């Protein structure tokens, strides 16, 4: 819990070091938010080609503690990973204002602090166990685990204040019928249908969906291993201007129908031999001609899709829908 009036956050920018694309990110954050920021920067899945800038896109540089961290955040020799910054922000969020002040003073006394040094120092002021972080520390890449949930659904009793502090339960989706039943029983009701959704966190934006819909979507994404293709999937959803759940579910099984890259020029070169010599406006005209669109998440073009593969995927989707429907 934060001891100040509002929770403390690191307000930074994430930058693709190869494409120089930038997006906002705020720590601590969920893994969903990490993947979103990486996708917005067009950082390929599993890539370590990113770094951080110690201010947000609107120029906000944070409080005096964040400013003291600038040299460690932008350290080119030891660039911090997303996991390191997330863990550091979690520690700081639990520190009192007095301990944050002491941490800042300690940082300012040295000019060679790395984020690893800062984490050790911050942990010495905290009741959180630094050893836990060392044991689970990963590399710079943010990777998808097959056991990761695609959505987290927070359930509360009907009639509860959806925006207040409620005694609810979090359900990781896709969730089996047994998991849904256990969640309902934990809140003293017979079925999740008797509960309300207070909020949803997930790999893609979703509004006004039922638990059944979210579960169907999550199950489909898991079956097609979309975790490792989130950037492409989000780009295709934007390319198709998809706002319908059934279409979103269908597109998860049709990603092979789309070309996808993080380089507009690279895709243009496939369709026009002089694309690399064109001015920007000419490239945009050529992209329109060949229906190539640069989305928020990457460059997409639809291609002819094998009917046999499409039929197989649609059969799997129908099987998924039938299996996951809750009684």
C-alpha atoms as a PDB file:
ATOM      1  CA  UNK A   1       0.000   0.000   0.000  1.00  0.00           C
ATOM      2  CA  UNK A   2       1.138   3.515  -0.681  1.00  0.00           C
ATOM      3  CA  UNK A   3       1.706   5.759   2.287  1.00  0.00           C
ATOM      4  CA  UNK A   4       1.169   9.008   0.377  1.00  0.00           C
ATOM      5  CA  UNK A   5      -2.111  10.519  -0.768  1.00  0.00           C
ATOM      6  CA  UNK A   6      -1.841   8.883  -4.199  1.00  0.00           C
ATOM      7  CA  UNK A   7       0.146   5.843  -5.407  1.00  0.00           C
ATOM      8  CA  UNK A   8       3.685   6.532  -6.623  1.00  0.00           C
ATOM      9  CA  UNK A   9       4.530   5.709 -10.243  1.00  0.00           C
ATOM     10  CA  UNK A  10       7.468   5.943 -12.610  1.00  0.00           C
ATOM     11  CA  UNK A  11       6.179   7.832 -15.664  1.00  0.00           C
ATOM     12  CA  UNK A  12       8.533   6.865 -18.514  1.00  0.00           C
ATOM     13  CA  UNK A  13       8.759   6.378 -22.252  1.00  0.00           C
ATOM     14  CA  UNK A  14       9.657   3.059 -23.863  1.00  0.00           C
ATOM     15  CA  UNK A  15      11.642   3.292 -27.092  1.00  0.00           C
ATOM     16  CA  UNK A  16      12.332   0.754 -29.832  1.00  0.00           C
ATOM     17  CA  UNK A  17      16.110   1.167 -30.192  1.00  0.00           C
ATOM     18  CA  UNK A  18      16.072   0.040 -33.840  1.00  0.00           C
ATOM     19  CA  UNK A  19      12.977   1.845 -35.171  1.00  0.00           C
ATOM     20  CA  UNK A  20      13.106   4.744 -32.671  1.00  0.00           C
ATOM     21  CA  UNK A  21       9.350   4.423 -32.080  1.00  0.00           C
ATOM     22  CA  UNK A  22       8.197   5.552 -28.618  1.00  0.00           C
ATOM     23  CA  UNK A  23       5.233   4.835 -26.372  1.00  0.00           C
ATOM     24  CA  UNK A  24       4.287   5.770 -22.822  1.00  0.00           C
ATOM     25  CA  UNK A  25       4.611   3.321 -19.957  1.00  0.00           C
ATOM     26  CA  UNK A  26       3.972   3.680 -16.255  1.00  0.00           C
ATOM     27  CA  UNK A  27       5.499   1.430 -13.576  1.00  0.00           C
ATOM     28  CA  UNK A  28       4.423  -0.573 -11.693  1.00  0.00           C
ATOM     29  CA  UNK A  29       2.191  -2.121 -14.315  1.00  0.00           C
ATOM     30  CA  UNK A  30       0.709  -5.442 -15.372  1.00  0.00           C
ATOM     31  CA  UNK A  31       2.233  -7.776 -17.941  1.00  0.00           C
ATOM     32  CA  UNK A  32      -0.704  -6.815 -20.180  1.00  0.00           C
ATOM     33  CA  UNK A  33       0.475  -3.203 -20.103  1.00  0.00           C
ATOM     34  CA  UNK A  34       4.068  -4.221 -20.848  1.00  0.00           C
ATOM     35  CA  UNK A  35       2.964  -6.101 -23.974  1.00  0.00           C
ATOM     36  CA  UNK A  36       0.771  -3.165 -25.031  1.00  0.00           C
ATOM     37  CA  UNK A  37       3.650  -0.702 -24.784  1.00  0.00           C
ATOM     38  CA  UNK A  38       6.016  -3.068 -26.629  1.00  0.00           C
ATOM     39  CA  UNK A  39       3.422  -3.586 -29.373  1.00  0.00           C
ATOM     40  CA  UNK A  40       2.927   0.174 -29.744  1.00  0.00           C
ATOM     41  CA  UNK A  41       6.699   0.516 -30.243  1.00  0.00           C
ATOM     42  CA  UNK A  42       6.635  -2.275 -32.855  1.00  0.00           C
ATOM     43  CA  UNK A  43       9.155  -4.243 -30.801  1.00  0.00           C
ATOM     44  CA  UNK A  44       9.032  -7.842 -32.127  1.00  0.00           C
ATOM     45  CA  UNK A  45       8.023 -10.571 -29.687  1.00  0.00           C
ATOM     46  CA  UNK A  46      10.975 -11.733 -27.618  1.00  0.00           C
ATOM     47  CA  UNK A  47      13.176  -8.822 -28.696  1.00  0.00           C
ATOM     48  CA  UNK A  48      15.451  -6.999 -26.275  1.00  0.00           C
ATOM     49  CA  UNK A  49      15.745  -3.972 -28.582  1.00  0.00           C
ATOM     50  CA  UNK A  50      14.208  -1.405 -26.261  1.00  0.00           C
ATOM     51  CA  UNK A  51      15.336   1.205 -23.767  1.00  0.00           C
ATOM     52  CA  UNK A  52      13.660   3.757 -21.504  1.00  0.00           C
ATOM     53  CA  UNK A  53      13.592   7.539 -21.419  1.00  0.00           C
ATOM     54  CA  UNK A  54      13.135   9.181 -18.032  1.00  0.00           C
ATOM     55  CA  UNK A  55      10.082  11.213 -18.991  1.00  0.00           C
ATOM     56  CA  UNK A  56       6.701  10.550 -20.572  1.00  0.00           C
ATOM     57  CA  UNK A  57       5.741  11.558 -24.104  1.00  0.00           C
ATOM     58  CA  UNK A  58       4.127  14.761 -22.869  1.00  0.00           C
ATOM     59  CA  UNK A  59       7.423  15.784 -21.241  1.00  0.00           C
ATOM     60  CA  UNK A  60       6.424  14.932 -17.656  1.00  0.00           C
ATOM     61  CA  UNK A  61       9.583  14.048 -15.722  1.00  0.00           C
ATOM     62  CA  UNK A  62       7.988  12.791 -12.523  1.00  0.00           C
ATOM     63  CA  UNK A  63       8.774  13.921  -9.001  1.00  0.00           C
ATOM     64  CA  UNK A  64      12.212  14.648  -7.544  1.00  0.00           C
ATOM     65  CA  UNK A  65      12.878  10.936  -6.924  1.00  0.00           C
ATOM     66  CA  UNK A  66      12.229  10.027 -10.553  1.00  0.00           C
ATOM     67  CA  UNK A  67      14.491  12.878 -11.640  1.00  0.00           C
ATOM     68  CA  UNK A  68      17.232  11.500  -9.369  1.00  0.00           C
ATOM     69  CA  UNK A  69      16.841   8.132 -11.124  1.00  0.00           C
ATOM     70  CA  UNK A  70      17.333   9.592 -14.608  1.00  0.00           C
ATOM     71  CA  UNK A  71      20.962   8.546 -15.132  1.00  0.00           C
ATOM     72  CA  UNK A  72      20.216   4.966 -14.014  1.00  0.00           C
ATOM     73  CA  UNK A  73      17.069   4.744 -16.175  1.00  0.00           C
ATOM     74  CA  UNK A  74      18.904   6.021 -19.284  1.00  0.00           C
ATOM     75  CA  UNK A  75      22.162   4.127 -18.575  1.00  0.00           C
ATOM     76  CA  UNK A  76      23.384   3.000 -22.016  1.00  0.00           C
ATOM     77  CA  UNK A  77      25.912   0.495 -20.665  1.00  0.00           C
ATOM     78  CA  UNK A  78      23.428  -1.189 -18.306  1.00  0.00           C
ATOM     79  CA  UNK A  79      19.960  -0.325 -19.669  1.00  0.00           C
ATOM     80  CA  UNK A  80      17.308  -1.468 -17.177  1.00  0.00           C
ATOM     81  CA  UNK A  81      14.846  -4.171 -18.165  1.00  0.00           C
ATOM     82  CA  UNK A  82      11.098  -3.710 -17.928  1.00  0.00           C
ATOM     83  CA  UNK A  83      11.025  -6.290 -15.134  1.00  0.00           C
ATOM     84  CA  UNK A  84      13.661  -4.400 -13.129  1.00  0.00           C
ATOM     85  CA  UNK A  85      11.853  -1.076 -13.398  1.00  0.00           C
ATOM     86  CA  UNK A  86       8.550  -2.712 -12.547  1.00  0.00           C
ATOM     87  CA  UNK A  87       9.985  -4.309  -9.420  1.00  0.00           C
ATOM     88  CA  UNK A  88      11.728  -1.078  -8.380  1.00  0.00           C
ATOM     89  CA  UNK A  89       8.499   0.905  -8.765  1.00  0.00           C
ATOM     90  CA  UNK A  90       6.649  -1.722  -6.707  1.00  0.00           C
ATOM     91  CA  UNK A  91       9.184  -1.333  -3.889  1.00  0.00           C
ATOM     92  CA  UNK A  92       9.069   2.470  -3.988  1.00  0.00           C
ATOM     93  CA  UNK A  93       5.270   2.458  -4.007  1.00  0.00           C
ATOM     94  CA  UNK A  94       5.408   0.666  -0.637  1.00  0.00           C
ATOM     95  CA  UNK A  95       7.929   3.068   0.914  1.00  0.00           C
ATOM     96  CA  UNK A  96       6.941   5.925   3.179  1.00  0.00           C
ATOM     97  CA  UNK A  97       7.566   9.492   2.053  1.00  0.00           C
ATOM     98  CA  UNK A  98      10.474   9.689   4.500  1.00  0.00           C
ATOM     99  CA  UNK A  99      12.112   6.544   3.133  1.00  0.00           C
ATOM    100  CA  UNK A 100      11.661   7.788  -0.442  1.00  0.00           C
ATOM    101  CA  UNK A 101      13.483  10.943   0.550  1.00  0.00           C
ATOM    102  CA  UNK A 102      16.321   8.883   2.027  1.00  0.00           C
ATOM    103  CA  UNK A 103      16.482   6.771  -1.129  1.00  0.00           C
ATOM    104  CA  UNK A 104      16.733   9.899  -3.282  1.00  0.00           C
ATOM    105  CA  UNK A 105      19.542  11.290  -1.139  1.00  0.00           C
ATOM    106  CA  UNK A 106      21.463   8.015  -1.393  1.00  0.00           C
ATOM    107  CA  UNK A 107      21.091   7.963  -5.198  1.00  0.00           C
ATOM    108  CA  UNK A 108      22.264  11.575  -5.548  1.00  0.00           C
ATOM    109  CA  UNK A 109      25.456  10.791  -3.645  1.00  0.00           C
ATOM    110  CA  UNK A 110      26.633   8.540  -6.486  1.00  0.00           C
ATOM    111  CA  UNK A 111      26.776   9.094 -10.223  1.00  0.00           C
ATOM    112  CA  UNK A 112      27.426   5.477 -11.225  1.00  0.00           C
ATOM    113  CA  UNK A 113      24.260   3.887  -9.827  1.00  0.00           C
ATOM    114  CA  UNK A 114      22.621   1.294 -12.070  1.00  0.00           C
ATOM    115  CA  UNK A 115      19.001   0.223 -11.636  1.00  0.00           C
ATOM    116  CA  UNK A 116      20.289  -3.015 -10.058  1.00  0.00           C
ATOM    117  CA  UNK A 117      22.109  -0.879  -7.438  1.00  0.00           C
ATOM    118  CA  UNK A 118      18.994   1.213  -6.865  1.00  0.00           C
ATOM    119  CA  UNK A 119      16.857  -1.919  -6.387  1.00  0.00           C
ATOM    120  CA  UNK A 120      19.232  -3.238  -3.731  1.00  0.00           C
ATOM    121  CA  UNK A 121      19.212   0.117  -1.930  1.00  0.00           C
ATOM    122  CA  UNK A 122      15.431   0.508  -2.131  1.00  0.00           C
ATOM    123  CA  UNK A 123      14.956  -3.081  -0.934  1.00  0.00           C
ATOM    124  CA  UNK A 124      17.051  -2.340   2.159  1.00  0.00           C
ATOM    125  CA  UNK A 125      14.420   0.255   3.134  1.00  0.00           C
ATOM    126  CA  UNK A 126      11.526  -2.089   2.400  1.00  0.00           C
ATOM    127  CA  UNK A 127       9.833  -5.059   4.024  1.00  0.00           C
ATOM    128  CA  UNK A 128       9.562  -6.727   0.594  1.00  0.00           C
ATOM    129  CA  UNK A 129      11.971  -9.605   0.133  1.00  0.00           C
ATOM    130  CA  UNK A 130      14.624  -8.770  -2.419  1.00  0.00           C
ATOM    131  CA  UNK A 131      15.517 -12.494  -2.687  1.00  0.00           C
ATOM    132  CA  UNK A 132      12.129 -13.180  -4.297  1.00  0.00           C
ATOM    133  CA  UNK A 133      13.022 -10.892  -7.185  1.00  0.00           C
ATOM    134  CA  UNK A 134      16.498 -12.420  -7.635  1.00  0.00           C
ATOM    135  CA  UNK A 135      15.002 -15.907  -7.886  1.00  0.00           C
ATOM    136  CA  UNK A 136      12.419 -15.000 -10.509  1.00  0.00           C
ATOM    137  CA  UNK A 137      14.490 -12.429 -12.396  1.00  0.00           C
ATOM    138  CA  UNK A 138      14.181 -12.826 -16.159  1.00  0.00           C
ATOM    139  CA  UNK A 139      16.102 -11.442 -19.112  1.00  0.00           C
ATOM    140  CA  UNK A 140      15.320  -8.175 -20.854  1.00  0.00           C
ATOM    141  CA  UNK A 141      12.755  -9.748 -23.164  1.00  0.00           C
ATOM    142  CA  UNK A 142       9.151  -9.952 -21.965  1.00  0.00           C
ATOM    143  CA  UNK A 143       7.941 -13.432 -22.847  1.00  0.00           C
ATOM    144  CA  UNK A 144       4.540 -15.076 -22.914  1.00  0.00           C
ATOM    145  CA  UNK A 145       4.008 -18.152 -20.763  1.00  0.00           C
ATOM    146  CA  UNK A 146       1.494 -20.752 -21.915  1.00  0.00           C
ATOM    147  CA  UNK A 147      -0.052 -20.581 -18.442  1.00  0.00           C
ATOM    148  CA  UNK A 148      -0.490 -16.794 -18.566  1.00  0.00           C
ATOM    149  CA  UNK A 149      -4.075 -15.601 -18.528  1.00  0.00           C
ATOM    150  CA  UNK A 150      -5.343 -13.538 -21.452  1.00  0.00           C
ATOM    151  CA  UNK A 151      -7.816 -11.695 -19.236  1.00  0.00           C
ATOM    152  CA  UNK A 152      -8.277 -11.113 -15.521  1.00  0.00           C
ATOM    153  CA  UNK A 153     -11.915 -10.616 -14.574  1.00  0.00           C
ATOM    154  CA  UNK A 154     -12.723  -9.096 -11.185  1.00  0.00           C
ATOM    155  CA  UNK A 155     -16.089 -10.300  -9.880  1.00  0.00           C
ATOM    156  CA  UNK A 156     -18.159  -8.788  -7.064  1.00  0.00           C
ATOM    157  CA  UNK A 157     -21.650  -9.302  -5.674  1.00  0.00           C
ATOM    158  CA  UNK A 158     -24.462  -7.754  -7.699  1.00  0.00           C
ATOM    159  CA  UNK A 159     -25.383  -4.326  -6.400  1.00  0.00           C
ATOM    160  CA  UNK A 160     -21.878  -3.671  -5.048  1.00  0.00           C
ATOM    161  CA  UNK A 161     -20.123  -0.419  -5.864  1.00  0.00           C
ATOM    162  CA  UNK A 162     -18.197  -1.388  -9.001  1.00  0.00           C
ATOM    163  CA  UNK A 163     -15.702   1.423  -8.489  1.00  0.00           C
ATOM    164  CA  UNK A 164     -15.211   1.053  -4.748  1.00  0.00           C
ATOM    165  CA  UNK A 165     -13.090  -1.250  -2.626  1.00  0.00           C
ATOM    166  CA  UNK A 166     -15.069  -4.473  -2.634  1.00  0.00           C
ATOM    167  CA  UNK A 167     -14.412  -7.947  -1.334  1.00  0.00           C
ATOM    168  CA  UNK A 168     -14.463  -9.661  -4.693  1.00  0.00           C
ATOM    169  CA  UNK A 169     -12.468 -12.306  -6.503  1.00  0.00           C
ATOM    170  CA  UNK A 170     -10.187 -12.352  -9.553  1.00  0.00           C
ATOM    171  CA  UNK A 171     -10.776 -15.019 -12.210  1.00  0.00           C
ATOM    172  CA  UNK A 172      -8.049 -15.786 -14.738  1.00  0.00           C
ATOM    173  CA  UNK A 173      -9.448 -16.474 -18.207  1.00  0.00           C
ATOM    174  CA  UNK A 174      -9.691 -18.797 -19.990  1.00  0.00           C
ATOM    175  CA  UNK A 175     -11.320 -20.416 -16.966  1.00  0.00           C
ATOM    176  CA  UNK A 176     -12.794 -23.891 -16.865  1.00  0.00           C
ATOM    177  CA  UNK A 177     -16.351 -24.507 -15.704  1.00  0.00           C
ATOM    178  CA  UNK A 178     -14.898 -25.838 -12.448  1.00  0.00           C
ATOM    179  CA  UNK A 179     -12.845 -22.669 -11.888  1.00  0.00           C
ATOM    180  CA  UNK A 180     -15.911 -20.499 -12.496  1.00  0.00           C
ATOM    181  CA  UNK A 181     -17.907 -22.596 -10.035  1.00  0.00           C
ATOM    182  CA  UNK A 182     -15.208 -22.307  -7.361  1.00  0.00           C
ATOM    183  CA  UNK A 183     -15.121 -18.527  -7.829  1.00  0.00           C
ATOM    184  CA  UNK A 184     -18.891 -18.353  -7.376  1.00  0.00           C
ATOM    185  CA  UNK A 185     -18.812 -20.531  -4.271  1.00  0.00           C
ATOM    186  CA  UNK A 186     -15.990 -18.455  -2.796  1.00  0.00           C
ATOM    187  CA  UNK A 187     -18.338 -15.451  -2.916  1.00  0.00           C
ATOM    188  CA  UNK A 188     -21.252 -17.446  -1.524  1.00  0.00           C
ATOM    189  CA  UNK A 189     -23.398 -17.751  -4.657  1.00  0.00           C
ATOM    190  CA  UNK A 190     -24.395 -20.688  -6.851  1.00  0.00           C
ATOM    191  CA  UNK A 191     -23.204 -19.332 -10.208  1.00  0.00           C
ATOM    192  CA  UNK A 192     -21.042 -16.564 -11.646  1.00  0.00           C
ATOM    193  CA  UNK A 193     -24.209 -15.339 -13.339  1.00  0.00           C
ATOM    194  CA  UNK A 194     -25.201 -14.004  -9.909  1.00  0.00           C
ATOM    195  CA  UNK A 195     -22.076 -11.815  -9.802  1.00  0.00           C
ATOM    196  CA  UNK A 196     -21.128  -8.547 -11.502  1.00  0.00           C
ATOM    197  CA  UNK A 197     -17.897  -7.680 -13.297  1.00  0.00           C
ATOM    198  CA  UNK A 198     -16.170  -4.754 -11.579  1.00  0.00           C
ATOM    199  CA  UNK A 199     -13.306  -4.510 -14.075  1.00  0.00           C
ATOM    200  CA  UNK A 200     -11.412  -6.470 -16.701  1.00  0.00           C
ATOM    201  CA  UNK A 201      -7.699  -6.450 -17.479  1.00  0.00           C
ATOM    202  CA  UNK A 202      -6.583  -8.126 -20.675  1.00  0.00           C
ATOM    203  CA  UNK A 203      -4.376  -8.379 -23.709  1.00  0.00           C
ATOM    204  CA  UNK A 204      -6.840  -6.361 -25.797  1.00  0.00           C
ATOM    205  CA  UNK A 205      -9.417  -3.700 -25.040  1.00  0.00           C
ATOM    206  CA  UNK A 206     -12.920  -4.925 -24.303  1.00  0.00           C
ATOM    207  CA  UNK A 207     -16.079  -3.207 -23.114  1.00  0.00           C
ATOM    208  CA  UNK A 208     -19.443  -4.446 -21.897  1.00  0.00           C
ATOM    209  CA  UNK A 209     -18.682  -8.142 -22.414  1.00  0.00           C
ATOM    210  CA  UNK A 210     -20.139 -10.926 -20.317  1.00  0.00           C
ATOM    211  CA  UNK A 211     -17.916 -13.416 -18.513  1.00  0.00           C
ATOM    212  CA  UNK A 212     -19.044 -16.027 -21.026  1.00  0.00           C
ATOM    213  CA  UNK A 213     -17.897 -13.827 -23.932  1.00  0.00           C
ATOM    214  CA  UNK A 214     -14.548 -13.050 -22.301  1.00  0.00           C
ATOM    215  CA  UNK A 215     -13.971 -16.711 -21.594  1.00  0.00           C
ATOM    216  CA  UNK A 216     -14.749 -17.658 -25.198  1.00  0.00           C
ATOM    217  CA  UNK A 217     -12.353 -14.999 -26.471  1.00  0.00           C
ATOM    218  CA  UNK A 218      -9.595 -16.027 -24.056  1.00  0.00           C
ATOM    219  CA  UNK A 219     -10.006 -19.725 -24.885  1.00  0.00           C
ATOM    220  CA  UNK A 220      -9.710 -18.969 -28.607  1.00  0.00           C
ATOM    221  CA  UNK A 221      -6.571 -16.862 -28.133  1.00  0.00           C
ATOM    222  CA  UNK A 222      -4.995 -19.635 -26.090  1.00  0.00           C
ATOM    223  CA  UNK A 223      -5.831 -22.316 -28.695  1.00  0.00           C
ATOM    224  CA  UNK A 224      -4.188 -20.291 -31.455  1.00  0.00           C
ATOM    225  CA  UNK A 225      -1.152 -19.330 -29.302  1.00  0.00           C
ATOM    226  CA  UNK A 226      -1.853 -15.631 -29.814  1.00  0.00           C
ATOM    227  CA  UNK A 227       0.338 -14.739 -26.810  1.00  0.00           C
ATOM    228  CA  UNK A 228       3.414 -14.814 -29.035  1.00  0.00           C
ATOM    229  CA  UNK A 229       1.627 -12.913 -31.837  1.00  0.00           C
ATOM    230  CA  UNK A 230      -0.099 -10.169 -29.864  1.00  0.00           C
ATOM    231  CA  UNK A 231       1.446  -7.374 -31.922  1.00  0.00           C
ATOM    232  CA  UNK A 232       0.198  -8.883 -35.176  1.00  0.00           C
ATOM    233  CA  UNK A 233      -3.201  -9.722 -33.728  1.00  0.00           C
ATOM    234  CA  UNK A 234      -3.747  -6.185 -32.453  1.00  0.00           C
ATOM    235  CA  UNK A 235      -2.569  -4.783 -35.794  1.00  0.00           C
ATOM    236  CA  UNK A 236      -5.026  -7.003 -37.693  1.00  0.00           C
ATOM    237  CA  UNK A 237      -7.889  -5.957 -35.393  1.00  0.00           C
ATOM    238  CA  UNK A 238      -7.096  -2.316 -36.192  1.00  0.00           C
ATOM    239  CA  UNK A 239      -6.628  -3.052 -39.898  1.00  0.00           C
ATOM    240  CA  UNK A 240     -10.122  -4.586 -40.035  1.00  0.00           C
ATOM    241  CA  UNK A 241     -11.550  -1.895 -37.729  1.00  0.00           C
ATOM    242  CA  UNK A 242     -12.864  -4.774 -35.632  1.00  0.00           C
ATOM    243  CA  UNK A 243     -15.315  -3.868 -32.862  1.00  0.00           C
ATOM    244  CA  UNK A 244     -17.334  -7.091 -32.821  1.00  0.00           C
ATOM    245  CA  UNK A 245     -16.463  -9.996 -30.519  1.00  0.00           C
ATOM    246  CA  UNK A 246     -17.392 -12.704 -33.009  1.00  0.00           C
ATOM    247  CA  UNK A 247     -15.213 -11.105 -35.672  1.00  0.00           C
ATOM    248  CA  UNK A 248     -12.334 -10.743 -33.181  1.00  0.00           C
ATOM    249  CA  UNK A 249     -12.650 -14.435 -32.311  1.00  0.00           C
ATOM    250  CA  UNK A 250     -12.737 -15.366 -36.009  1.00  0.00           C
ATOM    251  CA  UNK A 251      -9.675 -13.240 -36.852  1.00  0.00           C
ATOM    252  CA  UNK A 252      -7.618 -15.058 -34.208  1.00  0.00           C
ATOM    253  CA  UNK A 253      -7.726 -18.111 -36.462  1.00  0.00           C
ATOM    254  CA  UNK A 254      -6.977 -16.214 -39.658  1.00  0.00           C
ATOM    255  CA  UNK A 255      -3.715 -14.394 -38.964  1.00  0.00           C
ATOM    256  CA  UNK A 256      -2.021 -16.281 -41.799  1.00  0.00           C
ATOM    257  CA  UNK A 257      -4.260 -14.285 -44.140  1.00  0.00           C
ATOM    258  CA  UNK A 258      -2.258 -11.137 -43.351  1.00  0.00           C
ATOM    259  CA  UNK A 259       1.267  -9.987 -44.039  1.00  0.00           C
ATOM    260  CA  UNK A 260       2.797  -8.206 -41.068  1.00  0.00           C
ATOM    261  CA  UNK A 261       6.038  -6.333 -40.501  1.00  0.00           C
ATOM    262  CA  UNK A 262       7.521  -3.548 -38.404  1.00  0.00           C
ATOM    263  CA  UNK A 263       8.990  -1.860 -41.498  1.00  0.00           C
ATOM    264  CA  UNK A 264       6.768  -0.105 -44.058  1.00  0.00           C
ATOM    265  CA  UNK A 265       9.611   0.187 -46.551  1.00  0.00           C
ATOM    266  CA  UNK A 266      10.300  -3.536 -46.324  1.00  0.00           C
ATOM    267  CA  UNK A 267       6.714  -4.382 -47.283  1.00  0.00           C
ATOM    268  CA  UNK A 268       6.591  -1.740 -50.023  1.00  0.00           C
ATOM    269  CA  UNK A 269       9.725  -3.234 -51.586  1.00  0.00           C
ATOM    270  CA  UNK A 270       7.789  -6.453 -52.187  1.00  0.00           C
ATOM    271  CA  UNK A 271       5.299  -4.615 -54.400  1.00  0.00           C
ATOM    272  CA  UNK A 272       7.278  -1.769 -55.972  1.00  0.00           C
ATOM    273  CA  UNK A 273      10.909  -2.077 -57.048  1.00  0.00           C
ATOM    274  CA  UNK A 274      11.649   1.643 -56.524  1.00  0.00           C
ATOM    275  CA  UNK A 275       9.852   2.026 -53.185  1.00  0.00           C
ATOM    276  CA  UNK A 276      13.072   2.757 -51.298  1.00  0.00           C
ATOM    277  CA  UNK A 277      13.772   5.725 -53.596  1.00  0.00           C
ATOM    278  CA  UNK A 278      10.353   7.313 -53.109  1.00  0.00           C
ATOM    279  CA  UNK A 279       9.544  10.385 -51.082  1.00  0.00           C
ATOM    280  CA  UNK A 280       7.263   9.877 -48.080  1.00  0.00           C
ATOM    281  CA  UNK A 281       4.121  11.051 -49.882  1.00  0.00           C
ATOM    282  CA  UNK A 282       4.844   8.694 -52.783  1.00  0.00           C
ATOM    283  CA  UNK A 283       5.324   5.807 -50.366  1.00  0.00           C
ATOM    284  CA  UNK A 284       1.956   6.565 -48.770  1.00  0.00           C
ATOM    285  CA  UNK A 285       0.251   6.632 -52.186  1.00  0.00           C
ATOM    286  CA  UNK A 286       1.849   3.305 -53.086  1.00  0.00           C
ATOM    287  CA  UNK A 287       0.830   1.835 -49.735  1.00  0.00           C
ATOM    288  CA  UNK A 288      -2.782   2.881 -50.387  1.00  0.00           C
ATOM    289  CA  UNK A 289      -2.636   1.385 -53.883  1.00  0.00           C
ATOM    290  CA  UNK A 290      -1.618  -2.003 -52.495  1.00  0.00           C
ATOM    291  CA  UNK A 291      -3.858  -1.718 -49.400  1.00  0.00           C
ATOM    292  CA  UNK A 292      -0.908  -1.593 -47.027  1.00  0.00           C
ATOM    293  CA  UNK A 293      -1.783   0.096 -43.735  1.00  0.00           C
ATOM    294  CA  UNK A 294       0.573   1.235 -40.986  1.00  0.00           C
ATOM    295  CA  UNK A 295      -1.430   0.601 -37.820  1.00  0.00           C
ATOM    296  CA  UNK A 296      -0.596   1.552 -34.272  1.00  0.00           C
ATOM    297  CA  UNK A 297       0.935  -1.915 -33.849  1.00  0.00           C
ATOM    298  CA  UNK A 298       2.721  -2.511 -37.157  1.00  0.00           C
ATOM    299  CA  UNK A 299       2.318  -2.635 -40.932  1.00  0.00           C
ATOM    300  CA  UNK A 300      -0.392  -4.954 -42.308  1.00  0.00           C
ATOM    301  CA  UNK A 301      -1.606  -6.119 -45.714  1.00  0.00           C
ATOM    302  CA  UNK A 302      -4.245  -8.736 -46.435  1.00  0.00           C
ATOM    303  CA  UNK A 303      -3.236 -11.533 -48.775  1.00  0.00           C
ATOM    304  CA  UNK A 304      -5.021 -14.450 -50.394  1.00  0.00           C
ATOM    305  CA  UNK A 305      -5.817 -17.017 -47.767  1.00  0.00           C
ATOM    306  CA  UNK A 306      -5.850 -20.774 -48.383  1.00  0.00           C
ATOM    307  CA  UNK A 307      -9.488 -21.877 -48.199  1.00  0.00           C
ATOM    308  CA  UNK A 308      -8.495 -25.242 -46.771  1.00  0.00           C
ATOM    309  CA  UNK A 309      -6.622 -23.657 -43.860  1.00  0.00           C
ATOM    310  CA  UNK A 310      -9.452 -21.186 -43.302  1.00  0.00           C
ATOM    311  CA  UNK A 311     -11.974 -24.033 -43.149  1.00  0.00           C
ATOM    312  CA  UNK A 312      -9.844 -25.918 -40.629  1.00  0.00           C
ATOM    313  CA  UNK A 313      -9.485 -22.864 -38.405  1.00  0.00           C
ATOM    314  CA  UNK A 314     -13.213 -22.104 -38.523  1.00  0.00           C
ATOM    315  CA  UNK A 315     -13.947 -25.686 -37.468  1.00  0.00           C
ATOM    316  CA  UNK A 316     -11.620 -25.269 -34.508  1.00  0.00           C
ATOM    317  CA  UNK A 317     -13.324 -22.004 -33.611  1.00  0.00           C
ATOM    318  CA  UNK A 318     -16.738 -23.660 -33.640  1.00  0.00           C
ATOM    319  CA  UNK A 319     -15.394 -26.465 -31.446  1.00  0.00           C
ATOM    320  CA  UNK A 320     -13.917 -23.880 -29.063  1.00  0.00           C
ATOM    321  CA  UNK A 321     -17.211 -21.989 -28.842  1.00  0.00           C
ATOM    322  CA  UNK A 322     -19.189 -25.120 -28.101  1.00  0.00           C
ATOM    323  CA  UNK A 323     -16.789 -26.346 -25.457  1.00  0.00           C
ATOM    324  CA  UNK A 324     -16.414 -23.163 -23.479  1.00  0.00           C
ATOM    325  CA  UNK A 325     -20.071 -22.122 -23.196  1.00  0.00           C
ATOM    326  CA  UNK A 326     -20.978 -22.138 -19.514  1.00  0.00           C
ATOM    327  CA  UNK A 327     -24.184 -23.643 -18.255  1.00  0.00           C
END
